[in-house]
Amino acid sequence: MGSAWQGLFGTDYGLFSLIGILFMLGMGVFFIWFFTRKIQQSSDEHARELRAGGAKPPVNNGHA
């Protein structure tokens, strides 16, 4: 087990792997934060439109 940690922290390819893993985890956290923020903004805007009375009837796209 010690050689795995030594390979991860003590070699070039281990450090690059660690950097890649940390980068991807950071991207995942960023995308979760970004999308939840955008979804919340969209739902707040939609609720504001409904309260203002600007609700339009749903469009019939040829479906019953």
PDB file of N, CA and C in Angstrom:
ATOM      1  N   MET A   1       0.828  -1.196   0.000  1.00  0.00           N
ATOM      2  CA  MET A   1       0.000   0.000   0.000  1.00  0.00           C
ATOM      3  C   MET A   1       0.866   1.251   0.000  1.00  0.00           C
ATOM      4  N   GLY A   2       1.984   1.188   0.670  1.00  0.00           N
ATOM      5  CA  GLY A   2       2.877   2.341   0.715  1.00  0.00           C
ATOM      6  C   GLY A   2       3.427   2.692  -0.648  1.00  0.00           C
ATOM      7  N   SER A   3       3.626   1.712  -1.489  1.00  0.00           N
ATOM      8  CA  SER A   3       4.153   1.996  -2.817  1.00  0.00           C
ATOM      9  C   SER A   3       3.127   2.715  -3.686  1.00  0.00           C
ATOM     10  N   ALA A   4       1.849   2.497  -3.447  1.00  0.00           N
ATOM     11  CA  ALA A   4       0.809   3.212  -4.206  1.00  0.00           C
ATOM     12  C   ALA A   4       0.854   4.695  -3.876  1.00  0.00           C
ATOM     13  N   TRP A   5       0.966   5.034  -2.599  1.00  0.00           N
ATOM     14  CA  TRP A   5       1.059   6.442  -2.205  1.00  0.00           C
ATOM     15  C   TRP A   5       2.358   7.057  -2.702  1.00  0.00           C
ATOM     16  N   GLN A   6       3.424   6.282  -2.653  1.00  0.00           N
ATOM     17  CA  GLN A   6       4.706   6.765  -3.138  1.00  0.00           C
ATOM     18  C   GLN A   6       4.630   7.009  -4.653  1.00  0.00           C
ATOM     19  N   GLY A   7       3.946   6.138  -5.367  1.00  0.00           N
ATOM     20  CA  GLY A   7       3.773   6.325  -6.803  1.00  0.00           C
ATOM     21  C   GLY A   7       2.906   7.520  -7.125  1.00  0.00           C
ATOM     22  N   LEU A   8       1.893   7.776  -6.302  1.00  0.00           N
ATOM     23  CA  LEU A   8       0.993   8.903  -6.545  1.00  0.00           C
ATOM     24  C   LEU A   8       1.675  10.230  -6.276  1.00  0.00           C
ATOM     25  N   PHE A   9       2.390  10.335  -5.160  1.00  0.00           N
ATOM     26  CA  PHE A   9       2.994  11.611  -4.779  1.00  0.00           C
ATOM     27  C   PHE A   9       4.457  11.746  -5.193  1.00  0.00           C
ATOM     28  N   GLY A  10       5.103  10.645  -5.533  1.00  0.00           N
ATOM     29  CA  GLY A  10       6.539  10.704  -5.771  1.00  0.00           C
ATOM     30  C   GLY A  10       6.968  10.599  -7.218  1.00  0.00           C
ATOM     31  N   THR A  11       6.033  10.448  -8.144  1.00  0.00           N
ATOM     32  CA  THR A  11       6.401  10.346  -9.553  1.00  0.00           C
ATOM     33  C   THR A  11       5.683  11.423 -10.353  1.00  0.00           C
ATOM     34  N   ASP A  12       6.236  11.723 -11.519  1.00  0.00           N
ATOM     35  CA  ASP A  12       5.615  12.730 -12.380  1.00  0.00           C
ATOM     36  C   ASP A  12       4.222  12.302 -12.818  1.00  0.00           C
ATOM     37  N   TYR A  13       4.090  11.062 -13.266  1.00  0.00           N
ATOM     38  CA  TYR A  13       2.786  10.596 -13.756  1.00  0.00           C
ATOM     39  C   TYR A  13       1.781  10.479 -12.620  1.00  0.00           C
ATOM     40  N   GLY A  14       2.246  10.206 -11.405  1.00  0.00           N
ATOM     41  CA  GLY A  14       1.340  10.179 -10.263  1.00  0.00           C
ATOM     42  C   GLY A  14       0.816  11.565  -9.929  1.00  0.00           C
ATOM     43  N   LEU A  15       1.706  12.558  -9.966  1.00  0.00           N
ATOM     44  CA  LEU A  15       1.273  13.936  -9.688  1.00  0.00           C
ATOM     45  C   LEU A  15       0.340  14.457 -10.765  1.00  0.00           C
ATOM     46  N   PHE A  16       0.626  14.138 -12.023  1.00  0.00           N
ATOM     47  CA  PHE A  16      -0.282  14.552 -13.091  1.00  0.00           C
ATOM     48  C   PHE A  16      -1.638  13.875 -12.950  1.00  0.00           C
ATOM     49  N   SER A  17      -1.651  12.632 -12.536  1.00  0.00           N
ATOM     50  CA  SER A  17      -2.919  11.946 -12.297  1.00  0.00           C
ATOM     51  C   SER A  17      -3.688  12.615 -11.165  1.00  0.00           C
ATOM     52  N   LEU A  18      -2.987  12.951 -10.098  1.00  0.00           N
ATOM     53  CA  LEU A  18      -3.627  13.619  -8.967  1.00  0.00           C
ATOM     54  C   LEU A  18      -4.186  14.977  -9.376  1.00  0.00           C
ATOM     55  N   ILE A  19      -3.412  15.728 -10.159  1.00  0.00           N
ATOM     56  CA  ILE A  19      -3.887  17.029 -10.645  1.00  0.00           C
ATOM     57  C   ILE A  19      -5.127  16.845 -11.520  1.00  0.00           C
ATOM     58  N   GLY A  20      -5.107  15.847 -12.399  1.00  0.00           N
ATOM     59  CA  GLY A  20      -6.268  15.595 -13.259  1.00  0.00           C
ATOM     60  C   GLY A  20      -7.500  15.213 -12.470  1.00  0.00           C
ATOM     61  N   ILE A  21      -7.321  14.375 -11.456  1.00  0.00           N
ATOM     62  CA  ILE A  21      -8.450  13.966 -10.613  1.00  0.00           C
ATOM     63  C   ILE A  21      -9.014  15.166  -9.863  1.00  0.00           C
ATOM     64  N   LEU A  22      -8.148  15.974  -9.278  1.00  0.00           N
ATOM     65  CA  LEU A  22      -8.608  17.156  -8.536  1.00  0.00           C
ATOM     66  C   LEU A  22      -9.280  18.162  -9.462  1.00  0.00           C
ATOM     67  N   PHE A  23      -8.745  18.324 -10.664  1.00  0.00           N
ATOM     68  CA  PHE A  23      -9.347  19.239 -11.633  1.00  0.00           C
ATOM     69  C   PHE A  23     -10.757  18.788 -12.005  1.00  0.00           C
ATOM     70  N   MET A  24     -10.926  17.493 -12.268  1.00  0.00           N
ATOM     71  CA  MET A  24     -12.253  16.987 -12.639  1.00  0.00           C
ATOM     72  C   MET A  24     -13.244  17.084 -11.485  1.00  0.00           C
ATOM     73  N   LEU A  25     -12.800  16.829 -10.269  1.00  0.00           N
ATOM     74  CA  LEU A  25     -13.692  16.995  -9.119  1.00  0.00           C
ATOM     75  C   LEU A  25     -14.097  18.462  -8.966  1.00  0.00           C
ATOM     76  N   GLY A  26     -13.143  19.362  -9.167  1.00  0.00           N
ATOM     77  CA  GLY A  26     -13.453  20.796  -9.116  1.00  0.00           C
ATOM     78  C   GLY A  26     -14.440  21.196 -10.191  1.00  0.00           C
ATOM     79  N   MET A  27     -14.277  20.646 -11.396  1.00  0.00           N
ATOM     80  CA  MET A  27     -15.227  20.933 -12.472  1.00  0.00           C
ATOM     81  C   MET A  27     -16.620  20.439 -12.107  1.00  0.00           C
ATOM     82  N   GLY A  28     -16.695  19.259 -11.504  1.00  0.00           N
ATOM     83  CA  GLY A  28     -17.994  18.726 -11.095  1.00  0.00           C
ATOM     84  C   GLY A  28     -18.682  19.621 -10.084  1.00  0.00           C
ATOM     85  N   VAL A  29     -17.932  20.102  -9.096  1.00  0.00           N
ATOM     86  CA  VAL A  29     -18.496  21.003  -8.087  1.00  0.00           C
ATOM     87  C   VAL A  29     -18.943  22.307  -8.745  1.00  0.00           C
ATOM     88  N   PHE A  30     -18.106  22.844  -9.657  1.00  0.00           N
ATOM     89  CA  PHE A  30     -18.466  24.083 -10.336  1.00  0.00           C
ATOM     90  C   PHE A  30     -19.736  23.922 -11.149  1.00  0.00           C
ATOM     91  N   PHE A  31     -19.856  22.828 -11.920  1.00  0.00           N
ATOM     92  CA  PHE A  31     -21.045  22.644 -12.759  1.00  0.00           C
ATOM     93  C   PHE A  31     -22.301  22.453 -11.921  1.00  0.00           C
ATOM     94  N   ILE A  32     -22.214  21.741 -10.827  1.00  0.00           N
ATOM     95  CA  ILE A  32     -23.374  21.590  -9.942  1.00  0.00           C
ATOM     96  C   ILE A  32     -23.799  22.953  -9.408  1.00  0.00           C
ATOM     97  N   TRP A  33     -22.833  23.747  -8.951  1.00  0.00           N
ATOM     98  CA  TRP A  33     -23.131  25.095  -8.439  1.00  0.00           C
ATOM     99  C   TRP A  33     -23.728  25.959  -9.545  1.00  0.00           C
ATOM    100  N   PHE A  34     -23.123  25.944 -10.733  1.00  0.00           N
ATOM    101  CA  PHE A  34     -23.543  26.787 -11.846  1.00  0.00           C
ATOM    102  C   PHE A  34     -24.959  26.450 -12.294  1.00  0.00           C
ATOM    103  N   PHE A  35     -25.231  25.139 -12.498  1.00  0.00           N
ATOM    104  CA  PHE A  35     -26.551  24.750 -12.988  1.00  0.00           C
ATOM    105  C   PHE A  35     -27.640  24.978 -11.949  1.00  0.00           C
ATOM    106  N   THR A  36     -27.367  24.726 -10.672  1.00  0.00           N
ATOM    107  CA  THR A  36     -28.396  24.980  -9.656  1.00  0.00           C
ATOM    108  C   THR A  36     -28.684  26.469  -9.553  1.00  0.00           C
ATOM    109  N   ARG A  37     -27.667  27.308  -9.721  1.00  0.00           N
ATOM    110  CA  ARG A  37     -27.878  28.761  -9.693  1.00  0.00           C
ATOM    111  C   ARG A  37     -28.725  29.196 -10.880  1.00  0.00           C
ATOM    112  N   LYS A  38     -28.427  28.685 -12.063  1.00  0.00           N
ATOM    113  CA  LYS A  38     -29.202  29.052 -13.254  1.00  0.00           C
ATOM    114  C   LYS A  38     -30.643  28.548 -13.162  1.00  0.00           C
ATOM    115  N   ILE A  39     -30.836  27.348 -12.653  1.00  0.00           N
ATOM    116  CA  ILE A  39     -32.189  26.811 -12.489  1.00  0.00           C
ATOM    117  C   ILE A  39     -32.972  27.673 -11.499  1.00  0.00           C
ATOM    118  N   GLN A  40     -32.336  28.083 -10.411  1.00  0.00           N
ATOM    119  CA  GLN A  40     -33.011  28.925  -9.421  1.00  0.00           C
ATOM    120  C   GLN A  40     -33.367  30.279 -10.018  1.00  0.00           C
ATOM    121  N   GLN A  41     -32.455  30.875 -10.799  1.00  0.00           N
ATOM    122  CA  GLN A  41     -32.747  32.160 -11.445  1.00  0.00           C
ATOM    123  C   GLN A  41     -33.918  32.025 -12.406  1.00  0.00           C
ATOM    124  N   SER A  42     -33.943  30.937 -13.158  1.00  0.00           N
ATOM    125  CA  SER A  42     -35.015  30.728 -14.117  1.00  0.00           C
ATOM    126  C   SER A  42     -36.360  30.547 -13.421  1.00  0.00           C
ATOM    127  N   SER A  43     -36.371  29.775 -12.337  1.00  0.00           N
ATOM    128  CA  SER A  43     -37.638  29.568 -11.634  1.00  0.00           C
ATOM    129  C   SER A  43     -38.090  30.846 -10.936  1.00  0.00           C
ATOM    130  N   ASP A  44     -37.154  31.649 -10.430  1.00  0.00           N
ATOM    131  CA  ASP A  44     -37.525  32.935  -9.834  1.00  0.00           C
ATOM    132  C   ASP A  44     -38.112  33.870 -10.885  1.00  0.00           C
ATOM    133  N   GLU A  45     -37.505  33.893 -12.065  1.00  0.00           N
ATOM    134  CA  GLU A  45     -38.012  34.733 -13.147  1.00  0.00           C
ATOM    135  C   GLU A  45     -39.396  34.276 -13.591  1.00  0.00           C
ATOM    136  N   HIS A  46     -39.597  32.981 -13.666  1.00  0.00           N
ATOM    137  CA  HIS A  46     -40.901  32.449 -14.060  1.00  0.00           C
ATOM    138  C   HIS A  46     -41.960  32.806 -13.016  1.00  0.00           C
ATOM    139  N   ALA A  47     -41.626  32.682 -11.750  1.00  0.00           N
ATOM    140  CA  ALA A  47     -42.582  33.028 -10.694  1.00  0.00           C
ATOM    141  C   ALA A  47     -42.906  34.520 -10.736  1.00  0.00           C
ATOM    142  N   ARG A  48     -41.907  35.349 -11.029  1.00  0.00           N
ATOM    143  CA  ARG A  48     -42.129  36.789 -11.136  1.00  0.00           C
ATOM    144  C   ARG A  48     -43.088  37.098 -12.286  1.00  0.00           C
ATOM    145  N   GLU A  49     -42.921  36.402 -13.419  1.00  0.00           N
ATOM    146  CA  GLU A  49     -43.818  36.608 -14.553  1.00  0.00           C
ATOM    147  C   GLU A  49     -45.242  36.181 -14.225  1.00  0.00           C
ATOM    148  N   LEU A  50     -45.386  35.068 -13.503  1.00  0.00           N
ATOM    149  CA  LEU A  50     -46.720  34.607 -13.136  1.00  0.00           C
ATOM    150  C   LEU A  50     -47.402  35.596 -12.191  1.00  0.00           C
ATOM    151  N   ARG A  51     -46.642  36.135 -11.239  1.00  0.00           N
ATOM    152  CA  ARG A  51     -47.219  37.108 -10.304  1.00  0.00           C
ATOM    153  C   ARG A  51     -47.602  38.398 -11.003  1.00  0.00           C
ATOM    154  N   ALA A  52     -46.876  38.765 -12.058  1.00  0.00           N
ATOM    155  CA  ALA A  52     -47.162  40.005 -12.778  1.00  0.00           C
ATOM    156  C   ALA A  52     -48.358  39.853 -13.712  1.00  0.00           C
ATOM    157  N   GLY A  53     -48.868  38.665 -13.862  1.00  0.00           N
ATOM    158  CA  GLY A  53     -50.025  38.445 -14.721  1.00  0.00           C
ATOM    159  C   GLY A  53     -49.651  38.261 -16.171  1.00  0.00           C
ATOM    160  N   GLY A  54     -48.410  38.031 -16.438  1.00  0.00           N
ATOM    161  CA  GLY A  54     -47.970  37.856 -17.813  1.00  0.00           C
ATOM    162  C   GLY A  54     -47.998  36.418 -18.259  1.00  0.00           C
ATOM    163  N   ALA A  55     -48.806  35.621 -17.606  1.00  0.00           N
ATOM    164  CA  ALA A  55     -48.858  34.196 -17.960  1.00  0.00           C
ATOM    165  C   ALA A  55     -49.582  34.040 -19.285  1.00  0.00           C
ATOM    166  N   LYS A  56     -48.954  33.354 -20.206  1.00  0.00           N
ATOM    167  CA  LYS A  56     -49.553  33.098 -21.504  1.00  0.00           C
ATOM    168  C   LYS A  56     -50.131  31.690 -21.494  1.00  0.00           C
ATOM    169  N   PRO A  57     -51.200  31.468 -22.248  1.00  0.00           N
ATOM    170  CA  PRO A  57     -51.721  30.098 -22.320  1.00  0.00           C
ATOM    171  C   PRO A  57     -50.711  29.202 -23.019  1.00  0.00           C
ATOM    172  N   PRO A  58     -50.693  27.935 -22.694  1.00  0.00           N
ATOM    173  CA  PRO A  58     -49.737  27.043 -23.341  1.00  0.00           C
ATOM    174  C   PRO A  58     -49.999  26.952 -24.843  1.00  0.00           C
ATOM    175  N   VAL A  59     -48.927  26.827 -25.581  1.00  0.00           N
ATOM    176  CA  VAL A  59     -49.030  26.763 -27.041  1.00  0.00           C
ATOM    177  C   VAL A  59     -49.371  25.340 -27.437  1.00  0.00           C
ATOM    178  N   ASN A  60     -50.346  25.204 -28.341  1.00  0.00           N
ATOM    179  CA  ASN A  60     -50.717  23.888 -28.841  1.00  0.00           C
ATOM    180  C   ASN A  60     -49.858  23.601 -30.052  1.00  0.00           C
ATOM    181  N   ASN A  61     -48.928  22.687 -29.935  1.00  0.00           N
ATOM    182  CA  ASN A  61     -48.019  22.332 -31.015  1.00  0.00           C
ATOM    183  C   ASN A  61     -48.542  21.178 -31.851  1.00  0.00           C
ATOM    184  N   GLY A  62     -49.827  21.131 -32.088  1.00  0.00           N
ATOM    185  CA  GLY A  62     -50.407  20.065 -32.862  1.00  0.00           C
ATOM    186  C   GLY A  62     -50.735  18.827 -32.065  1.00  0.00           C
ATOM    187  N   HIS A  63     -50.567  18.897 -30.773  1.00  0.00           N
ATOM    188  CA  HIS A  63     -50.878  17.773 -29.906  1.00  0.00           C
ATOM    189  C   HIS A  63     -52.170  18.041 -29.165  1.00  0.00           C
ATOM    190  N   ALA A  64     -52.886  16.983 -28.852  1.00  0.00           N
ATOM    191  CA  ALA A  64     -54.176  17.134 -28.168  1.00  0.00           C
ATOM    192  C   ALA A  64     -54.012  17.576 -26.755  1.00  0.00           C
TER     193      ALA A  64
END
